[in-house]
């Protein structure tokens, strides 16, 4: 049996996505349903803390959990939305924190 080291393999090399976005590696955090929004579907401080924690490695691409774009579109309670100003302000705090960590964010 041969043991292969992944240290120098492609997953750990930078990947240029656009002229402005270069990931430091090819590992991406996939979307995870957090269901941590408020009852009004506003992203919470728990989500801010979570995305801050997972974006600490500079150059990481974070794809958020699915966000509902109209009231009633989500099938679960506490799913974040993106259809009003209060939700947009809360998502902006999260995106700003991820960018502060020198990582990238995509809202799903």
PDB file of N, CA and C in Angstrom:
ATOM      1  N   UNK A   1       0.843  -1.181   0.000  1.00  0.00           N
ATOM      2  CA  UNK A   1       0.000   0.000   0.000  1.00  0.00           C
ATOM      3  C   UNK A   1       0.884   1.238   0.000  1.00  0.00           C
ATOM      4  N   UNK A   2       0.579   2.168  -0.881  1.00  0.00           N
ATOM      5  CA  UNK A   2       1.340   3.400  -0.988  1.00  0.00           C
ATOM      6  C   UNK A   2       0.580   4.534  -0.315  1.00  0.00           C
ATOM      7  N   UNK A   3       1.290   5.298   0.509  1.00  0.00           N
ATOM      8  CA  UNK A   3       0.701   6.460   1.164  1.00  0.00           C
ATOM      9  C   UNK A   3       1.109   7.696   0.365  1.00  0.00           C
ATOM     10  N   UNK A   4       0.126   8.475  -0.029  1.00  0.00           N
ATOM     11  CA  UNK A   4       0.393   9.662  -0.831  1.00  0.00           C
ATOM     12  C   UNK A   4       0.204  10.905   0.018  1.00  0.00           C
ATOM     13  N   UNK A   5       1.151  11.804  -0.072  1.00  0.00           N
ATOM     14  CA  UNK A   5       1.036  13.079   0.624  1.00  0.00           C
ATOM     15  C   UNK A   5       0.254  14.062  -0.248  1.00  0.00           C
ATOM     16  N   UNK A   6      -0.667  14.766   0.369  1.00  0.00           N
ATOM     17  CA  UNK A   6      -1.447  15.760  -0.352  1.00  0.00           C
ATOM     18  C   UNK A   6      -0.840  17.157  -0.235  1.00  0.00           C
ATOM     19  N   UNK A   7       0.266  17.274   0.458  1.00  0.00           N
ATOM     20  CA  UNK A   7       0.869  18.578   0.729  1.00  0.00           C
ATOM     21  C   UNK A   7       1.095  19.389  -0.548  1.00  0.00           C
ATOM     22  N   UNK A   8       1.590  18.759  -1.591  1.00  0.00           N
ATOM     23  CA  UNK A   8       1.888  19.487  -2.822  1.00  0.00           C
ATOM     24  C   UNK A   8       0.892  19.196  -3.945  1.00  0.00           C
ATOM     25  N   UNK A   9      -0.258  18.663  -3.589  1.00  0.00           N
ATOM     26  CA  UNK A   9      -1.255  18.337  -4.610  1.00  0.00           C
ATOM     27  C   UNK A   9      -2.057  19.579  -5.002  1.00  0.00           C
ATOM     28  N   UNK A  10      -2.780  19.485  -6.070  1.00  0.00           N
ATOM     29  CA  UNK A  10      -3.548  20.614  -6.588  1.00  0.00           C
ATOM     30  C   UNK A  10      -4.538  21.232  -5.595  1.00  0.00           C
ATOM     31  N   UNK A  11      -5.187  20.473  -4.694  1.00  0.00           N
ATOM     32  CA  UNK A  11      -6.141  21.120  -3.782  1.00  0.00           C
ATOM     33  C   UNK A  11      -5.516  22.211  -2.914  1.00  0.00           C
ATOM     34  N   UNK A  12      -4.210  22.176  -2.738  1.00  0.00           N
ATOM     35  CA  UNK A  12      -3.554  23.135  -1.853  1.00  0.00           C
ATOM     36  C   UNK A  12      -2.814  24.229  -2.603  1.00  0.00           C
ATOM     37  N   UNK A  13      -3.044  24.327  -3.902  1.00  0.00           N
ATOM     38  CA  UNK A  13      -2.430  25.377  -4.699  1.00  0.00           C
ATOM     39  C   UNK A  13      -3.454  26.481  -4.942  1.00  0.00           C
ATOM     40  N   UNK A  14      -2.983  27.721  -5.113  1.00  0.00           N
ATOM     41  CA  UNK A  14      -3.907  28.823  -5.383  1.00  0.00           C
ATOM     42  C   UNK A  14      -4.707  28.600  -6.668  1.00  0.00           C
ATOM     43  N   UNK A  15      -5.892  29.192  -6.695  1.00  0.00           N
ATOM     44  CA  UNK A  15      -6.768  29.103  -7.865  1.00  0.00           C
ATOM     45  C   UNK A  15      -7.309  30.496  -8.157  1.00  0.00           C
ATOM     46  N   UNK A  16      -7.033  31.007  -9.351  1.00  0.00           N
ATOM     47  CA  UNK A  16      -7.533  32.318  -9.756  1.00  0.00           C
ATOM     48  C   UNK A  16      -8.920  32.142 -10.353  1.00  0.00           C
ATOM     49  N   UNK A  17      -9.926  32.756  -9.713  1.00  0.00           N
ATOM     50  CA  UNK A  17     -11.299  32.664 -10.203  1.00  0.00           C
ATOM     51  C   UNK A  17     -11.624  33.803 -11.159  1.00  0.00           C
ATOM     52  N   UNK A  18     -11.205  34.997 -10.797  1.00  0.00           N
ATOM     53  CA  UNK A  18     -11.404  36.182 -11.630  1.00  0.00           C
ATOM     54  C   UNK A  18     -10.158  37.038 -11.498  1.00  0.00           C
ATOM     55  N   UNK A  19     -10.140  38.169 -12.189  1.00  0.00           N
ATOM     56  CA  UNK A  19      -8.988  39.064 -12.066  1.00  0.00           C
ATOM     57  C   UNK A  19      -8.869  39.636 -10.654  1.00  0.00           C
ATOM     58  N   UNK A  20      -9.974  39.633  -9.902  1.00  0.00           N
ATOM     59  CA  UNK A  20      -9.978  40.191  -8.548  1.00  0.00           C
ATOM     60  C   UNK A  20      -9.980  39.147  -7.445  1.00  0.00           C
ATOM     61  N   UNK A  21     -10.257  37.888  -7.774  1.00  0.00           N
ATOM     62  CA  UNK A  21     -10.388  36.844  -6.746  1.00  0.00           C
ATOM     63  C   UNK A  21      -9.430  35.700  -7.029  1.00  0.00           C
ATOM     64  N   UNK A  22      -8.480  35.531  -6.118  1.00  0.00           N
ATOM     65  CA  UNK A  22      -7.593  34.369  -6.155  1.00  0.00           C
ATOM     66  C   UNK A  22      -7.715  33.657  -4.820  1.00  0.00           C
ATOM     67  N   UNK A  23      -8.152  32.418  -4.862  1.00  0.00           N
ATOM     68  CA  UNK A  23      -8.252  31.611  -3.646  1.00  0.00           C
ATOM     69  C   UNK A  23      -6.863  31.098  -3.296  1.00  0.00           C
ATOM     70  N   UNK A  24      -6.570  30.978  -2.013  1.00  0.00           N
ATOM     71  CA  UNK A  24      -5.260  30.498  -1.582  1.00  0.00           C
ATOM     72  C   UNK A  24      -5.130  28.989  -1.704  1.00  0.00           C
ATOM     73  N   UNK A  25      -6.266  28.317  -1.838  1.00  0.00           N
ATOM     74  CA  UNK A  25      -6.277  26.875  -2.086  1.00  0.00           C
ATOM     75  C   UNK A  25      -7.569  26.557  -2.821  1.00  0.00           C
ATOM     76  N   UNK A  26      -7.734  25.321  -3.203  1.00  0.00           N
ATOM     77  CA  UNK A  26      -8.916  24.938  -3.983  1.00  0.00           C
ATOM     78  C   UNK A  26      -9.983  24.261  -3.137  1.00  0.00           C
ATOM     79  N   UNK A  27      -9.867  24.413  -1.844  1.00  0.00           N
ATOM     80  CA  UNK A  27     -10.853  23.860  -0.928  1.00  0.00           C
ATOM     81  C   UNK A  27     -11.882  24.946  -0.633  1.00  0.00           C
ATOM     82  N   UNK A  28     -13.150  24.619  -0.768  1.00  0.00           N
ATOM     83  CA  UNK A  28     -14.226  25.578  -0.584  1.00  0.00           C
ATOM     84  C   UNK A  28     -15.189  25.030   0.456  1.00  0.00           C
ATOM     85  N   UNK A  29     -15.624  25.901   1.383  1.00  0.00           N
ATOM     86  CA  UNK A  29     -16.620  25.472   2.360  1.00  0.00           C
ATOM     87  C   UNK A  29     -17.962  25.400   1.655  1.00  0.00           C
ATOM     88  N   UNK A  30     -18.560  24.216   1.581  1.00  0.00           N
ATOM     89  CA  UNK A  30     -19.850  24.098   0.888  1.00  0.00           C
ATOM     90  C   UNK A  30     -20.967  24.710   1.728  1.00  0.00           C
ATOM     91  N   UNK A  31     -22.089  24.999   1.094  1.00  0.00           N
ATOM     92  CA  UNK A  31     -23.217  25.550   1.835  1.00  0.00           C
ATOM     93  C   UNK A  31     -23.707  24.584   2.916  1.00  0.00           C
ATOM     94  N   UNK A  32     -23.986  25.139   4.068  1.00  0.00           N
ATOM     95  CA  UNK A  32     -24.519  24.355   5.189  1.00  0.00           C
ATOM     96  C   UNK A  32     -25.745  25.083   5.719  1.00  0.00           C
ATOM     97  N   UNK A  33     -26.837  24.387   5.907  1.00  0.00           N
ATOM     98  CA  UNK A  33     -28.039  25.023   6.436  1.00  0.00           C
ATOM     99  C   UNK A  33     -27.853  25.249   7.925  1.00  0.00           C
ATOM    100  N   UNK A  34     -27.806  26.501   8.310  1.00  0.00           N
ATOM    101  CA  UNK A  34     -27.535  26.853   9.703  1.00  0.00           C
ATOM    102  C   UNK A  34     -28.814  26.992  10.522  1.00  0.00           C
ATOM    103  N   UNK A  35     -29.904  27.441   9.923  1.00  0.00           N
ATOM    104  CA  UNK A  35     -31.173  27.725  10.611  1.00  0.00           C
ATOM    105  C   UNK A  35     -30.943  28.450  11.941  1.00  0.00           C
ATOM    106  N   UNK A  36     -30.166  29.518  11.864  1.00  0.00           N
ATOM    107  CA  UNK A  36     -29.857  30.306  13.053  1.00  0.00           C
ATOM    108  C   UNK A  36     -30.337  31.745  12.936  1.00  0.00           C
ATOM    109  N   UNK A  37     -31.161  32.037  11.938  1.00  0.00           N
ATOM    110  CA  UNK A  37     -31.697  33.391  11.776  1.00  0.00           C
ATOM    111  C   UNK A  37     -32.781  33.628  12.817  1.00  0.00           C
ATOM    112  N   UNK A  38     -33.163  34.884  12.957  1.00  0.00           N
ATOM    113  CA  UNK A  38     -34.254  35.216  13.876  1.00  0.00           C
ATOM    114  C   UNK A  38     -35.577  34.732  13.288  1.00  0.00           C
ATOM    115  N   UNK A  39     -36.636  34.853  14.043  1.00  0.00           N
ATOM    116  CA  UNK A  39     -37.956  34.447  13.567  1.00  0.00           C
ATOM    117  C   UNK A  39     -38.381  35.300  12.366  1.00  0.00           C
ATOM    118  N   UNK A  40     -37.796  36.520  12.244  1.00  0.00           N
ATOM    119  CA  UNK A  40     -38.066  37.407  11.104  1.00  0.00           C
ATOM    120  C   UNK A  40     -37.134  37.133   9.927  1.00  0.00           C
ATOM    121  N   UNK A  41     -36.408  36.024   9.980  1.00  0.00           N
ATOM    122  CA  UNK A  41     -35.493  35.611   8.907  1.00  0.00           C
ATOM    123  C   UNK A  41     -34.302  36.548   8.746  1.00  0.00           C
ATOM    124  N   UNK A  42     -33.917  37.229   9.826  1.00  0.00           N
ATOM    125  CA  UNK A  42     -32.765  38.125   9.798  1.00  0.00           C
ATOM    126  C   UNK A  42     -31.541  37.347  10.284  1.00  0.00           C
ATOM    127  N   UNK A  43     -30.452  37.359   9.504  1.00  0.00           N
ATOM    128  CA  UNK A  43     -29.240  36.672   9.954  1.00  0.00           C
ATOM    129  C   UNK A  43     -28.843  37.167  11.349  1.00  0.00           C
ATOM    130  N   UNK A  44     -28.470  36.237  12.204  1.00  0.00           N
ATOM    131  CA  UNK A  44     -28.220  36.548  13.609  1.00  0.00           C
ATOM    132  C   UNK A  44     -26.727  36.692  13.910  1.00  0.00           C
ATOM    133  N   UNK A  45     -26.447  37.089  15.157  1.00  0.00           N
ATOM    134  CA  UNK A  45     -25.059  37.161  15.615  1.00  0.00           C
ATOM    135  C   UNK A  45     -24.409  35.780  15.627  1.00  0.00           C
ATOM    136  N   UNK A  46     -25.213  34.726  15.795  1.00  0.00           N
ATOM    137  CA  UNK A  46     -24.655  33.367  15.711  1.00  0.00           C
ATOM    138  C   UNK A  46     -24.099  33.099  14.318  1.00  0.00           C
ATOM    139  N   UNK A  47     -24.797  33.575  13.303  1.00  0.00           N
ATOM    140  CA  UNK A  47     -24.314  33.404  11.938  1.00  0.00           C
ATOM    141  C   UNK A  47     -23.073  34.258  11.691  1.00  0.00           C
ATOM    142  N   UNK A  48     -23.084  35.472  12.206  1.00  0.00           N
ATOM    143  CA  UNK A  48     -21.907  36.336  12.088  1.00  0.00           C
ATOM    144  C   UNK A  48     -20.694  35.658  12.713  1.00  0.00           C
ATOM    145  N   UNK A  49     -20.864  35.111  13.894  1.00  0.00           N
ATOM    146  CA  UNK A  49     -19.779  34.411  14.580  1.00  0.00           C
ATOM    147  C   UNK A  49     -19.317  33.195  13.776  1.00  0.00           C
ATOM    148  N   UNK A  50     -20.248  32.436  13.239  1.00  0.00           N
ATOM    149  CA  UNK A  50     -19.923  31.237  12.456  1.00  0.00           C
ATOM    150  C   UNK A  50     -19.102  31.601  11.213  1.00  0.00           C
ATOM    151  N   UNK A  51     -19.600  32.572  10.423  1.00  0.00           N
ATOM    152  CA  UNK A  51     -18.902  32.936   9.198  1.00  0.00           C
ATOM    153  C   UNK A  51     -17.564  33.610   9.487  1.00  0.00           C
ATOM    154  N   UNK A  52     -17.473  34.317  10.592  1.00  0.00           N
ATOM    155  CA  UNK A  52     -16.176  34.873  11.010  1.00  0.00           C
ATOM    156  C   UNK A  52     -15.187  33.738  11.268  1.00  0.00           C
ATOM    157  N   UNK A  53     -15.631  32.745  11.995  1.00  0.00           N
ATOM    158  CA  UNK A  53     -14.763  31.616  12.367  1.00  0.00           C
ATOM    159  C   UNK A  53     -14.287  30.832  11.141  1.00  0.00           C
ATOM    160  N   UNK A  54     -15.175  30.563  10.195  1.00  0.00           N
ATOM    161  CA  UNK A  54     -14.800  29.709   9.062  1.00  0.00           C
ATOM    162  C   UNK A  54     -14.066  30.478   7.964  1.00  0.00           C
ATOM    163  N   UNK A  55     -13.977  31.792   8.093  1.00  0.00           N
ATOM    164  CA  UNK A  55     -13.289  32.584   7.065  1.00  0.00           C
ATOM    165  C   UNK A  55     -11.933  33.100   7.529  1.00  0.00           C
ATOM    166  N   UNK A  56     -11.419  32.587   8.630  1.00  0.00           N
ATOM    167  CA  UNK A  56     -10.158  33.082   9.195  1.00  0.00           C
ATOM    168  C   UNK A  56      -8.948  32.808   8.312  1.00  0.00           C
ATOM    169  N   UNK A  57      -8.988  31.764   7.503  1.00  0.00           N
ATOM    170  CA  UNK A  57      -7.874  31.470   6.605  1.00  0.00           C
ATOM    171  C   UNK A  57      -8.010  32.378   5.380  1.00  0.00           C
ATOM    172  N   UNK A  58      -7.118  33.363   5.214  1.00  0.00           N
ATOM    173  CA  UNK A  58      -7.247  34.297   4.087  1.00  0.00           C
ATOM    174  C   UNK A  58      -7.332  33.562   2.750  1.00  0.00           C
ATOM    175  N   UNK A  59      -8.172  34.104   1.865  1.00  0.00           N
ATOM    176  CA  UNK A  59      -8.302  33.537   0.534  1.00  0.00           C
ATOM    177  C   UNK A  59      -9.279  32.392   0.431  1.00  0.00           C
ATOM    178  N   UNK A  60     -10.101  32.182   1.472  1.00  0.00           N
ATOM    179  CA  UNK A  60     -11.076  31.100   1.469  1.00  0.00           C
ATOM    180  C   UNK A  60     -12.379  31.575   0.831  1.00  0.00           C
ATOM    181  N   UNK A  61     -12.999  30.719   0.037  1.00  0.00           N
ATOM    182  CA  UNK A  61     -14.317  31.019  -0.521  1.00  0.00           C
ATOM    183  C   UNK A  61     -15.376  30.375   0.353  1.00  0.00           C
ATOM    184  N   UNK A  62     -16.291  31.189   0.855  1.00  0.00           N
ATOM    185  CA  UNK A  62     -17.404  30.725   1.689  1.00  0.00           C
ATOM    186  C   UNK A  62     -18.681  30.846   0.870  1.00  0.00           C
ATOM    187  N   UNK A  63     -19.419  29.757   0.739  1.00  0.00           N
ATOM    188  CA  UNK A  63     -20.735  29.792   0.104  1.00  0.00           C
ATOM    189  C   UNK A  63     -21.756  29.647   1.227  1.00  0.00           C
ATOM    190  N   UNK A  64     -22.620  30.640   1.350  1.00  0.00           N
ATOM    191  CA  UNK A  64     -23.555  30.651   2.480  1.00  0.00           C
ATOM    192  C   UNK A  64     -24.629  29.584   2.344  1.00  0.00           C
ATOM    193  N   UNK A  65     -25.364  29.437   3.440  1.00  0.00           N
ATOM    194  CA  UNK A  65     -26.573  28.629   3.375  1.00  0.00           C
ATOM    195  C   UNK A  65     -27.556  29.296   2.428  1.00  0.00           C
ATOM    196  N   UNK A  66     -28.537  28.551   1.963  1.00  0.00           N
ATOM    197  CA  UNK A  66     -29.547  29.118   1.074  1.00  0.00           C
ATOM    198  C   UNK A  66     -30.336  30.187   1.814  1.00  0.00           C
ATOM    199  N   UNK A  67     -30.550  31.302   1.164  1.00  0.00           N
ATOM    200  CA  UNK A  67     -31.331  32.390   1.735  1.00  0.00           C
ATOM    201  C   UNK A  67     -32.622  32.527   0.922  1.00  0.00           C
ATOM    202  N   UNK A  68     -33.734  32.628   1.609  1.00  0.00           N
ATOM    203  CA  UNK A  68     -35.024  32.823   0.944  1.00  0.00           C
ATOM    204  C   UNK A  68     -35.076  34.224   0.345  1.00  0.00           C
ATOM    205  N   UNK A  69     -35.644  34.353  -0.839  1.00  0.00           N
ATOM    206  CA  UNK A  69     -35.706  35.664  -1.476  1.00  0.00           C
ATOM    207  C   UNK A  69     -37.095  36.292  -1.422  1.00  0.00           C
ATOM    208  N   UNK A  70     -38.084  35.544  -0.936  1.00  0.00           N
ATOM    209  CA  UNK A  70     -39.420  36.093  -0.716  1.00  0.00           C
ATOM    210  C   UNK A  70     -39.985  35.487   0.568  1.00  0.00           C
ATOM    211  N   UNK A  71     -40.861  36.206   1.255  1.00  0.00           N
ATOM    212  CA  UNK A  71     -41.465  35.656   2.474  1.00  0.00           C
ATOM    213  C   UNK A  71     -42.179  34.332   2.175  1.00  0.00           C
ATOM    214  N   UNK A  72     -42.004  33.381   3.055  1.00  0.00           N
ATOM    215  CA  UNK A  72     -42.688  32.101   2.923  1.00  0.00           C
ATOM    216  C   UNK A  72     -42.020  31.111   1.991  1.00  0.00           C
ATOM    217  N   UNK A  73     -40.899  31.488   1.373  1.00  0.00           N
ATOM    218  CA  UNK A  73     -40.228  30.582   0.435  1.00  0.00           C
ATOM    219  C   UNK A  73     -39.480  29.463   1.155  1.00  0.00           C
ATOM    220  N   UNK A  74     -39.021  29.732   2.370  1.00  0.00           N
ATOM    221  CA  UNK A  74     -38.284  28.718   3.119  1.00  0.00           C
ATOM    222  C   UNK A  74     -39.219  27.702   3.731  1.00  0.00           C
ATOM    223  N   UNK A  75     -38.794  26.480   3.775  1.00  0.00           N
ATOM    224  CA  UNK A  75     -39.643  25.428   4.339  1.00  0.00           C
ATOM    225  C   UNK A  75     -39.376  25.209   5.825  1.00  0.00           C
ATOM    226  N   UNK A  76     -38.375  25.888   6.369  1.00  0.00           N
ATOM    227  CA  UNK A  76     -38.033  25.739   7.782  1.00  0.00           C
ATOM    228  C   UNK A  76     -38.046  27.107   8.457  1.00  0.00           C
ATOM    229  N   UNK A  77     -38.238  27.071   9.755  1.00  0.00           N
ATOM    230  CA  UNK A  77     -38.152  28.303  10.545  1.00  0.00           C
ATOM    231  C   UNK A  77     -36.691  28.660  10.742  1.00  0.00           C
ATOM    232  N   UNK A  78     -36.435  29.922  10.967  1.00  0.00           N
ATOM    233  CA  UNK A  78     -35.098  30.446  11.261  1.00  0.00           C
ATOM    234  C   UNK A  78     -34.117  30.317  10.099  1.00  0.00           C
ATOM    235  N   UNK A  79     -34.650  30.272   8.877  1.00  0.00           N
ATOM    236  CA  UNK A  79     -33.805  30.306   7.685  1.00  0.00           C
ATOM    237  C   UNK A  79     -33.654  31.779   7.301  1.00  0.00           C
ATOM    238  N   UNK A  80     -32.439  32.207   7.056  1.00  0.00           N
ATOM    239  CA  UNK A  80     -32.187  33.610   6.724  1.00  0.00           C
ATOM    240  C   UNK A  80     -32.843  33.985   5.403  1.00  0.00           C
ATOM    241  N   UNK A  81     -33.293  35.229   5.347  1.00  0.00           N
ATOM    242  CA  UNK A  81     -33.889  35.740   4.133  1.00  0.00           C
ATOM    243  C   UNK A  81     -33.066  36.859   3.536  1.00  0.00           C
ATOM    244  N   UNK A  82     -33.487  37.284   2.344  1.00  0.00           N
ATOM    245  CA  UNK A  82     -32.819  38.402   1.679  1.00  0.00           C
ATOM    246  C   UNK A  82     -33.843  39.140   0.819  1.00  0.00           C
ATOM    247  N   UNK A  83     -34.907  39.627   1.487  1.00  0.00           N
ATOM    248  CA  UNK A  83     -35.933  40.351   0.744  1.00  0.00           C
ATOM    249  C   UNK A  83     -36.275  41.707   1.366  1.00  0.00           C
ATOM    250  N   UNK A  84     -35.640  42.061   2.485  1.00  0.00           N
ATOM    251  CA  UNK A  84     -35.914  43.385   3.046  1.00  0.00           C
ATOM    252  C   UNK A  84     -34.616  44.035   3.549  1.00  0.00           C
ATOM    253  N   UNK A  85     -34.724  45.304   3.877  1.00  0.00           N
ATOM    254  CA  UNK A  85     -33.538  46.077   4.266  1.00  0.00           C
ATOM    255  C   UNK A  85     -32.875  45.559   5.539  1.00  0.00           C
ATOM    256  N   UNK A  86     -33.660  45.121   6.508  1.00  0.00           N
ATOM    257  CA  UNK A  86     -33.079  44.621   7.769  1.00  0.00           C
ATOM    258  C   UNK A  86     -32.238  43.370   7.518  1.00  0.00           C
ATOM    259  N   UNK A  87     -32.704  42.520   6.644  1.00  0.00           N
ATOM    260  CA  UNK A  87     -31.936  41.314   6.308  1.00  0.00           C
ATOM    261  C   UNK A  87     -30.661  41.691   5.545  1.00  0.00           C
ATOM    262  N   UNK A  88     -30.782  42.617   4.605  1.00  0.00           N
ATOM    263  CA  UNK A  88     -29.615  43.048   3.821  1.00  0.00           C
ATOM    264  C   UNK A  88     -28.543  43.648   4.733  1.00  0.00           C
ATOM    265  N   UNK A  89     -28.963  44.443   5.711  1.00  0.00           N
ATOM    266  CA  UNK A  89     -28.011  45.038   6.652  1.00  0.00           C
ATOM    267  C   UNK A  89     -27.287  43.943   7.450  1.00  0.00           C
ATOM    268  N   UNK A  90     -28.025  42.933   7.896  1.00  0.00           N
ATOM    269  CA  UNK A  90     -27.419  41.837   8.659  1.00  0.00           C
ATOM    270  C   UNK A  90     -26.456  41.026   7.790  1.00  0.00           C
ATOM    271  N   UNK A  91     -26.842  40.736   6.541  1.00  0.00           N
ATOM    272  CA  UNK A  91     -25.927  40.017   5.633  1.00  0.00           C
ATOM    273  C   UNK A  91     -24.686  40.851   5.353  1.00  0.00           C
ATOM    274  N   UNK A  92     -24.845  42.172   5.227  1.00  0.00           N
ATOM    275  CA  UNK A  92     -23.692  43.034   4.965  1.00  0.00           C
ATOM    276  C   UNK A  92     -22.676  42.945   6.105  1.00  0.00           C
ATOM    277  N   UNK A  93     -23.149  42.894   7.349  1.00  0.00           N
ATOM    278  CA  UNK A  93     -22.227  42.723   8.480  1.00  0.00           C
ATOM    279  C   UNK A  93     -21.421  41.438   8.322  1.00  0.00           C
ATOM    280  N   UNK A  94     -22.083  40.373   7.896  1.00  0.00           N
ATOM    281  CA  UNK A  94     -21.413  39.085   7.710  1.00  0.00           C
ATOM    282  C   UNK A  94     -20.396  39.175   6.576  1.00  0.00           C
ATOM    283  N   UNK A  95     -20.827  39.719   5.453  1.00  0.00           N
ATOM    284  CA  UNK A  95     -19.931  39.834   4.293  1.00  0.00           C
ATOM    285  C   UNK A  95     -18.731  40.718   4.640  1.00  0.00           C
ATOM    286  N   UNK A  96     -18.970  41.826   5.328  1.00  0.00           N
ATOM    287  CA  UNK A  96     -17.863  42.703   5.726  1.00  0.00           C
ATOM    288  C   UNK A  96     -16.870  41.970   6.623  1.00  0.00           C
ATOM    289  N   UNK A  97     -17.364  41.141   7.530  1.00  0.00           N
ATOM    290  CA  UNK A  97     -16.485  40.380   8.425  1.00  0.00           C
ATOM    291  C   UNK A  97     -15.651  39.381   7.635  1.00  0.00           C
ATOM    292  N   UNK A  98     -16.278  38.680   6.692  1.00  0.00           N
ATOM    293  CA  UNK A  98     -15.549  37.723   5.849  1.00  0.00           C
ATOM    294  C   UNK A  98     -14.477  38.449   5.043  1.00  0.00           C
ATOM    295  N   UNK A  99     -14.826  39.593   4.477  1.00  0.00           N
ATOM    296  CA  UNK A  99     -13.847  40.375   3.710  1.00  0.00           C
ATOM    297  C   UNK A  99     -12.737  40.904   4.614  1.00  0.00           C
ATOM    298  N   UNK A 100     -13.077  41.287   5.843  1.00  0.00           N
ATOM    299  CA  UNK A 100     -12.072  41.728   6.815  1.00  0.00           C
ATOM    300  C   UNK A 100     -11.051  40.608   7.062  1.00  0.00           C
ATOM    301  N   UNK A 101     -11.516  39.370   7.009  1.00  0.00           N
ATOM    302  CA  UNK A 101     -10.634  38.204   7.180  1.00  0.00           C
ATOM    303  C   UNK A 101      -9.901  37.857   5.886  1.00  0.00           C
ATOM    304  N   UNK A 102     -10.076  38.714   4.869  1.00  0.00           N
ATOM    305  CA  UNK A 102      -9.420  38.534   3.561  1.00  0.00           C
ATOM    306  C   UNK A 102      -9.885  37.266   2.849  1.00  0.00           C
ATOM    307  N   UNK A 103     -11.149  36.928   3.068  1.00  0.00           N
ATOM    308  CA  UNK A 103     -11.756  35.789   2.384  1.00  0.00           C
ATOM    309  C   UNK A 103     -12.905  36.296   1.521  1.00  0.00           C
ATOM    310  N   UNK A 104     -13.561  35.384   0.816  1.00  0.00           N
ATOM    311  CA  UNK A 104     -14.587  35.729  -0.158  1.00  0.00           C
ATOM    312  C   UNK A 104     -15.918  35.074   0.236  1.00  0.00           C
ATOM    313  N   UNK A 105     -17.021  35.705  -0.156  1.00  0.00           N
ATOM    314  CA  UNK A 105     -18.348  35.247   0.275  1.00  0.00           C
ATOM    315  C   UNK A 105     -19.303  35.229  -0.903  1.00  0.00           C
ATOM    316  N   UNK A 106     -20.083  34.186  -1.010  1.00  0.00           N
ATOM    317  CA  UNK A 106     -21.143  34.093  -2.012  1.00  0.00           C
ATOM    318  C   UNK A 106     -22.417  33.697  -1.292  1.00  0.00           C
ATOM    319  N   UNK A 107     -23.456  34.497  -1.468  1.00  0.00           N
ATOM    320  CA  UNK A 107     -24.758  34.197  -0.861  1.00  0.00           C
ATOM    321  C   UNK A 107     -25.509  33.253  -1.790  1.00  0.00           C
ATOM    322  N   UNK A 108     -25.933  32.141  -1.233  1.00  0.00           N
ATOM    323  CA  UNK A 108     -26.677  31.159  -2.039  1.00  0.00           C
ATOM    324  C   UNK A 108     -28.160  31.402  -1.913  1.00  0.00           C
TER     325      UNK A 108
END
